[in-house]
Every structure is written in C-alpha cells, then in structure tokens.
C-alpha cells in the first residue's frame, strides 16, 4: 500500500511512501518520470538511493531491494557509500593516463609508441570502467585485433594493456 507524502524536492511532483517497507518511495517528477527510491538516514546523514525506474522495476522488486538496504544498514554497512564507490571506478583511459605519468614517462624511452598504440587500437575500451572489463572481453578484443592488424601488433597492444592491469592491481 502506498501513502501520498508532501514533496520537499523541487523536481518531484508526487512522492508515495510504502507502508510495507520502511524507506521505500515511489516518486513522480514534473516531467512524468516514475522511479523507486530508498530514503533513509544512514550514519546520521540523509541518504537517497535510486532503485530503478518504473516499469523496468516493479513494486515487488523494489520492496526486495529496499529490504536488502534496510538489512545492510542494520548490519552497520552503508549501501549509499557502496554504490558511490562503484561509480568511482576508473576507466581504462584514466588508468592509462595514470600509468603514463607515473611509470612510462619515467622508466621507458618508448612511451610515445605506447601512447600511439593505445590511442589507435584501444579506443573501443577507453570509456569502459575496470570492473566492466572481463578477461573474456580482452581475449575477444585481442582476437579481433589480430585478425585486423596482425598477430604481432595485437600481441604488442595486449602486452601494453596487461601492464596497465598490473598497475591497477597494485593500486587495488
């Protein structure tokens, strides 16, 4: 069951609180966007986490997610911070820029060739976060690169990407 609440945000036109699960709200904005939110004080600060848009997520799925958030808060965890940390994962391009300034320009004479290889062959991977890239993605990309540009070139670029991931592992 939903109860209508007074909206305090400028963008929301209507907000409905769920009586079955604490902290679950259904919000309709001024441009008719409908979304489920989890709103609760987390570690003494107000927190708002978007669960998902309607109809992509139904009320039962939203309730389960809100109950999971309530459980995490009861354990002393912060689901808001966990989500924020997931979004702060660097992209492969950001990792390359870090590697270039902290390692390549200091230790390698051929760093300009690495920049050329990365910009020419890794453009499809530039904006992918490190958590999005899997080993199978890299293997498929390496095979396509080998078919298009030759195995030697593909292996050089694969070696470069491998060294980037070693730096990423060292950083955590």
C-alpha atoms as a PDB file:
ATOM      1  CA  UNK A   1       0.000   0.000   0.000  1.00  0.00           C
ATOM      2  CA  UNK A   2       1.215   3.490  -0.820  1.00  0.00           C
ATOM      3  CA  UNK A   3       0.526   6.701   1.044  1.00  0.00           C
ATOM      4  CA  UNK A   4       0.919  10.128  -0.506  1.00  0.00           C
ATOM      5  CA  UNK A   5       3.543  12.347   1.091  1.00  0.00           C
ATOM      6  CA  UNK A   6       4.322  16.023   0.899  1.00  0.00           C
ATOM      7  CA  UNK A   7       7.231  16.559  -1.516  1.00  0.00           C
ATOM      8  CA  UNK A   8      10.155  18.637  -0.347  1.00  0.00           C
ATOM      9  CA  UNK A   9      12.271  18.434  -3.506  1.00  0.00           C
ATOM     10  CA  UNK A  10      11.744  20.819  -6.373  1.00  0.00           C
ATOM     11  CA  UNK A  11      11.973  18.139  -9.071  1.00  0.00           C
ATOM     12  CA  UNK A  12       9.386  15.768  -7.557  1.00  0.00           C
ATOM     13  CA  UNK A  13       5.734  16.421  -8.120  1.00  0.00           C
ATOM     14  CA  UNK A  14       4.402  13.491  -6.105  1.00  0.00           C
ATOM     15  CA  UNK A  15       6.005  11.054  -3.657  1.00  0.00           C
ATOM     16  CA  UNK A  16       4.312   7.977  -2.289  1.00  0.00           C
ATOM     17  CA  UNK A  17       5.660   6.099   0.721  1.00  0.00           C
ATOM     18  CA  UNK A  18       5.273   2.348   1.001  1.00  0.00           C
ATOM     19  CA  UNK A  19       3.633   1.148   4.207  1.00  0.00           C
ATOM     20  CA  UNK A  20       5.050  -2.387   3.972  1.00  0.00           C
ATOM     21  CA  UNK A  21       8.760  -1.500   3.674  1.00  0.00           C
ATOM     22  CA  UNK A  22      10.360   1.395   5.545  1.00  0.00           C
ATOM     23  CA  UNK A  23      12.257   3.817   3.363  1.00  0.00           C
ATOM     24  CA  UNK A  24      10.732   2.839   0.003  1.00  0.00           C
ATOM     25  CA  UNK A  25       9.223   5.682  -2.017  1.00  0.00           C
ATOM     26  CA  UNK A  26       7.655   5.959  -5.448  1.00  0.00           C
ATOM     27  CA  UNK A  27       8.382   9.388  -6.955  1.00  0.00           C
ATOM     28  CA  UNK A  28       6.762  11.041  -9.954  1.00  0.00           C
ATOM     29  CA  UNK A  29       8.706  14.053 -11.232  1.00  0.00           C
ATOM     30  CA  UNK A  30       7.425  17.124 -13.042  1.00  0.00           C
ATOM     31  CA  UNK A  31       8.328  15.604 -16.431  1.00  0.00           C
ATOM     32  CA  UNK A  32       6.314  12.430 -15.586  1.00  0.00           C
ATOM     33  CA  UNK A  33       9.334  10.246 -14.826  1.00  0.00           C
ATOM     34  CA  UNK A  34       8.433   7.487 -12.364  1.00  0.00           C
ATOM     35  CA  UNK A  35      11.088   5.916 -10.124  1.00  0.00           C
ATOM     36  CA  UNK A  36      11.514   3.961  -6.911  1.00  0.00           C
ATOM     37  CA  UNK A  37      13.813   5.430  -4.261  1.00  0.00           C
ATOM     38  CA  UNK A  38      15.135   4.253  -0.929  1.00  0.00           C
ATOM     39  CA  UNK A  39      15.294   7.182   1.501  1.00  0.00           C
ATOM     40  CA  UNK A  40      16.669   6.817   4.999  1.00  0.00           C
ATOM     41  CA  UNK A  41      19.171   8.378   7.378  1.00  0.00           C
ATOM     42  CA  UNK A  42      22.431   6.477   7.020  1.00  0.00           C
ATOM     43  CA  UNK A  43      25.110   7.091   9.641  1.00  0.00           C
ATOM     44  CA  UNK A  44      23.218  10.173  10.787  1.00  0.00           C
ATOM     45  CA  UNK A  45      23.031  11.741   7.311  1.00  0.00           C
ATOM     46  CA  UNK A  46      20.086  11.713   4.928  1.00  0.00           C
ATOM     47  CA  UNK A  47      20.604   9.258   2.097  1.00  0.00           C
ATOM     48  CA  UNK A  48      18.638   8.709  -1.085  1.00  0.00           C
ATOM     49  CA  UNK A  49      19.352   5.811  -3.436  1.00  0.00           C
ATOM     50  CA  UNK A  50      17.561   5.394  -6.747  1.00  0.00           C
ATOM     51  CA  UNK A  51      16.433   1.787  -7.056  1.00  0.00           C
ATOM     52  CA  UNK A  52      15.134   1.996 -10.592  1.00  0.00           C
ATOM     53  CA  UNK A  53      12.586   3.375 -12.976  1.00  0.00           C
ATOM     54  CA  UNK A  54       9.032   2.195 -13.397  1.00  0.00           C
ATOM     55  CA  UNK A  55       8.032  -0.052 -15.296  1.00  0.00           C
ATOM     56  CA  UNK A  56      11.568  -1.525 -15.598  1.00  0.00           C
ATOM     57  CA  UNK A  57      11.327  -2.451 -11.915  1.00  0.00           C
ATOM     58  CA  UNK A  58       8.015  -3.462 -10.379  1.00  0.00           C
ATOM     59  CA  UNK A  59       6.902  -2.866  -6.792  1.00  0.00           C
ATOM     60  CA  UNK A  60       7.906  -6.355  -5.588  1.00  0.00           C
ATOM     61  CA  UNK A  61      11.479  -5.988  -6.875  1.00  0.00           C
ATOM     62  CA  UNK A  62      11.704  -2.514  -5.356  1.00  0.00           C
ATOM     63  CA  UNK A  63      10.492  -3.855  -1.997  1.00  0.00           C
ATOM     64  CA  UNK A  64      13.122  -6.620  -2.039  1.00  0.00           C
ATOM     65  CA  UNK A  65      15.861  -4.107  -2.828  1.00  0.00           C
ATOM     66  CA  UNK A  66      14.660  -1.734  -0.089  1.00  0.00           C
ATOM     67  CA  UNK A  67      14.573  -4.618   2.410  1.00  0.00           C
ATOM     68  CA  UNK A  68      18.140  -5.514   1.398  1.00  0.00           C
ATOM     69  CA  UNK A  69      19.203  -1.887   2.026  1.00  0.00           C
ATOM     70  CA  UNK A  70      17.460  -1.936   5.428  1.00  0.00           C
ATOM     71  CA  UNK A  71      19.336  -5.144   6.279  1.00  0.00           C
ATOM     72  CA  UNK A  72      22.687  -3.632   5.290  1.00  0.00           C
ATOM     73  CA  UNK A  73      22.010  -0.568   7.437  1.00  0.00           C
ATOM     74  CA  UNK A  74      21.061  -2.818  10.381  1.00  0.00           C
ATOM     75  CA  UNK A  75      24.447  -4.582   9.992  1.00  0.00           C
ATOM     76  CA  UNK A  76      26.202  -1.213  10.139  1.00  0.00           C
ATOM     77  CA  UNK A  77      27.017  -1.043   6.441  1.00  0.00           C
ATOM     78  CA  UNK A  78      26.401   1.947   4.199  1.00  0.00           C
ATOM     79  CA  UNK A  79      24.734   0.960   0.896  1.00  0.00           C
ATOM     80  CA  UNK A  80      24.902   4.570  -0.295  1.00  0.00           C
ATOM     81  CA  UNK A  81      28.701   4.636   0.045  1.00  0.00           C
ATOM     82  CA  UNK A  82      28.997   1.212  -1.596  1.00  0.00           C
ATOM     83  CA  UNK A  83      27.112   2.452  -4.655  1.00  0.00           C
ATOM     84  CA  UNK A  84      29.152   5.655  -4.742  1.00  0.00           C
ATOM     85  CA  UNK A  85      32.405   3.656  -4.634  1.00  0.00           C
ATOM     86  CA  UNK A  86      31.237   1.505  -7.538  1.00  0.00           C
ATOM     87  CA  UNK A  87      30.677   4.614  -9.632  1.00  0.00           C
ATOM     88  CA  UNK A  88      34.147   5.957  -8.786  1.00  0.00           C
ATOM     89  CA  UNK A  89      35.871   3.069 -10.578  1.00  0.00           C
ATOM     90  CA  UNK A  90      38.334   4.499 -13.121  1.00  0.00           C
ATOM     91  CA  UNK A  91      38.077   3.869 -16.828  1.00  0.00           C
ATOM     92  CA  UNK A  92      40.831   2.209 -18.830  1.00  0.00           C
ATOM     93  CA  UNK A  93      41.761   5.623 -20.278  1.00  0.00           C
ATOM     94  CA  UNK A  94      42.142   7.084 -16.774  1.00  0.00           C
ATOM     95  CA  UNK A  95      44.304   4.134 -15.757  1.00  0.00           C
ATOM     96  CA  UNK A  96      46.427   4.622 -18.891  1.00  0.00           C
ATOM     97  CA  UNK A  97      46.910   8.321 -18.113  1.00  0.00           C
ATOM     98  CA  UNK A  98      47.968   7.439 -14.569  1.00  0.00           C
ATOM     99  CA  UNK A  99      50.344   4.717 -15.824  1.00  0.00           C
ATOM    100  CA  UNK A 100      51.812   7.080 -18.418  1.00  0.00           C
ATOM    101  CA  UNK A 101      52.683   9.809 -15.914  1.00  0.00           C
ATOM    102  CA  UNK A 102      53.794   7.623 -13.004  1.00  0.00           C
ATOM    103  CA  UNK A 103      55.589   4.828 -14.841  1.00  0.00           C
ATOM    104  CA  UNK A 104      56.051   5.061 -18.603  1.00  0.00           C
ATOM    105  CA  UNK A 105      57.494   8.559 -18.935  1.00  0.00           C
ATOM    106  CA  UNK A 106      59.875   7.849 -16.055  1.00  0.00           C
ATOM    107  CA  UNK A 107      61.040   4.330 -16.943  1.00  0.00           C
ATOM    108  CA  UNK A 108      60.543   3.896 -20.704  1.00  0.00           C
ATOM    109  CA  UNK A 109      62.139   5.570 -23.701  1.00  0.00           C
ATOM    110  CA  UNK A 110      59.409   4.217 -25.955  1.00  0.00           C
ATOM    111  CA  UNK A 111      56.455   5.726 -24.065  1.00  0.00           C
ATOM    112  CA  UNK A 112      55.392   7.724 -27.160  1.00  0.00           C
ATOM    113  CA  UNK A 113      54.945   4.442 -29.053  1.00  0.00           C
ATOM    114  CA  UNK A 114      52.754   3.187 -26.207  1.00  0.00           C
ATOM    115  CA  UNK A 115      50.584   6.302 -26.471  1.00  0.00           C
ATOM    116  CA  UNK A 116      50.239   5.730 -30.219  1.00  0.00           C
ATOM    117  CA  UNK A 117      49.313   2.049 -29.768  1.00  0.00           C
ATOM    118  CA  UNK A 118      46.804   2.789 -27.035  1.00  0.00           C
ATOM    119  CA  UNK A 119      45.097   5.606 -28.941  1.00  0.00           C
ATOM    120  CA  UNK A 120      44.991   3.640 -32.199  1.00  0.00           C
ATOM    121  CA  UNK A 121      43.907   0.211 -31.008  1.00  0.00           C
ATOM    122  CA  UNK A 122      42.180   0.656 -27.646  1.00  0.00           C
ATOM    123  CA  UNK A 123      39.568   3.286 -28.497  1.00  0.00           C
ATOM    124  CA  UNK A 124      36.764   0.746 -28.051  1.00  0.00           C
ATOM    125  CA  UNK A 125      37.911   0.193 -24.458  1.00  0.00           C
ATOM    126  CA  UNK A 126      38.678   3.808 -23.424  1.00  0.00           C
ATOM    127  CA  UNK A 127      35.419   4.542 -21.613  1.00  0.00           C
ATOM    128  CA  UNK A 128      34.895   1.128 -20.030  1.00  0.00           C
ATOM    129  CA  UNK A 129      35.411   1.014 -16.288  1.00  0.00           C
ATOM    130  CA  UNK A 130      37.862  -1.531 -14.968  1.00  0.00           C
ATOM    131  CA  UNK A 131      35.061  -3.508 -13.356  1.00  0.00           C
ATOM    132  CA  UNK A 132      33.230  -3.742 -16.680  1.00  0.00           C
ATOM    133  CA  UNK A 133      36.181  -5.315 -18.474  1.00  0.00           C
ATOM    134  CA  UNK A 134      36.455  -9.060 -18.128  1.00  0.00           C
ATOM    135  CA  UNK A 135      39.197 -11.401 -19.273  1.00  0.00           C
ATOM    136  CA  UNK A 136      36.889 -12.806 -21.967  1.00  0.00           C
ATOM    137  CA  UNK A 137      36.271  -9.265 -23.291  1.00  0.00           C
ATOM    138  CA  UNK A 138      40.020  -8.696 -23.565  1.00  0.00           C
ATOM    139  CA  UNK A 139      40.568 -12.069 -25.287  1.00  0.00           C
ATOM    140  CA  UNK A 140      37.823 -11.350 -27.865  1.00  0.00           C
ATOM    141  CA  UNK A 141      39.225  -7.867 -28.453  1.00  0.00           C
ATOM    142  CA  UNK A 142      42.751  -9.328 -28.865  1.00  0.00           C
ATOM    143  CA  UNK A 143      41.496 -11.873 -31.423  1.00  0.00           C
ATOM    144  CA  UNK A 144      39.702  -9.201 -33.466  1.00  0.00           C
ATOM    145  CA  UNK A 145      42.789  -7.020 -33.335  1.00  0.00           C
ATOM    146  CA  UNK A 146      44.942  -9.941 -34.545  1.00  0.00           C
ATOM    147  CA  UNK A 147      42.627 -10.603 -37.474  1.00  0.00           C
ATOM    148  CA  UNK A 148      42.532  -6.952 -38.500  1.00  0.00           C
ATOM    149  CA  UNK A 149      46.106  -5.759 -37.833  1.00  0.00           C
ATOM    150  CA  UNK A 150      48.155  -8.933 -37.489  1.00  0.00           C
ATOM    151  CA  UNK A 151      49.174 -11.049 -34.549  1.00  0.00           C
ATOM    152  CA  UNK A 152      52.402  -9.162 -33.846  1.00  0.00           C
ATOM    153  CA  UNK A 153      50.583  -5.840 -33.424  1.00  0.00           C
ATOM    154  CA  UNK A 154      47.829  -7.481 -31.382  1.00  0.00           C
ATOM    155  CA  UNK A 155      50.391  -9.007 -29.021  1.00  0.00           C
ATOM    156  CA  UNK A 156      52.159  -5.651 -28.518  1.00  0.00           C
ATOM    157  CA  UNK A 157      48.892  -3.943 -27.593  1.00  0.00           C
ATOM    158  CA  UNK A 158      47.863  -6.885 -25.400  1.00  0.00           C
ATOM    159  CA  UNK A 159      51.175  -6.578 -23.557  1.00  0.00           C
ATOM    160  CA  UNK A 160      50.523  -2.859 -23.020  1.00  0.00           C
ATOM    161  CA  UNK A 161      47.018  -3.491 -21.623  1.00  0.00           C
ATOM    162  CA  UNK A 162      48.402  -6.259 -19.396  1.00  0.00           C
ATOM    163  CA  UNK A 163      50.907  -3.857 -17.886  1.00  0.00           C
ATOM    164  CA  UNK A 164      48.072  -1.385 -17.240  1.00  0.00           C
ATOM    165  CA  UNK A 165      46.129  -4.024 -15.350  1.00  0.00           C
ATOM    166  CA  UNK A 166      49.208  -4.920 -13.296  1.00  0.00           C
ATOM    167  CA  UNK A 167      49.370  -1.274 -12.195  1.00  0.00           C
ATOM    168  CA  UNK A 168      45.628  -1.385 -11.476  1.00  0.00           C
ATOM    169  CA  UNK A 169      46.111  -4.481  -9.309  1.00  0.00           C
ATOM    170  CA  UNK A 170      48.899  -2.767  -7.376  1.00  0.00           C
ATOM    171  CA  UNK A 171      46.592   0.192  -6.723  1.00  0.00           C
ATOM    172  CA  UNK A 172      43.709  -2.056  -5.739  1.00  0.00           C
END
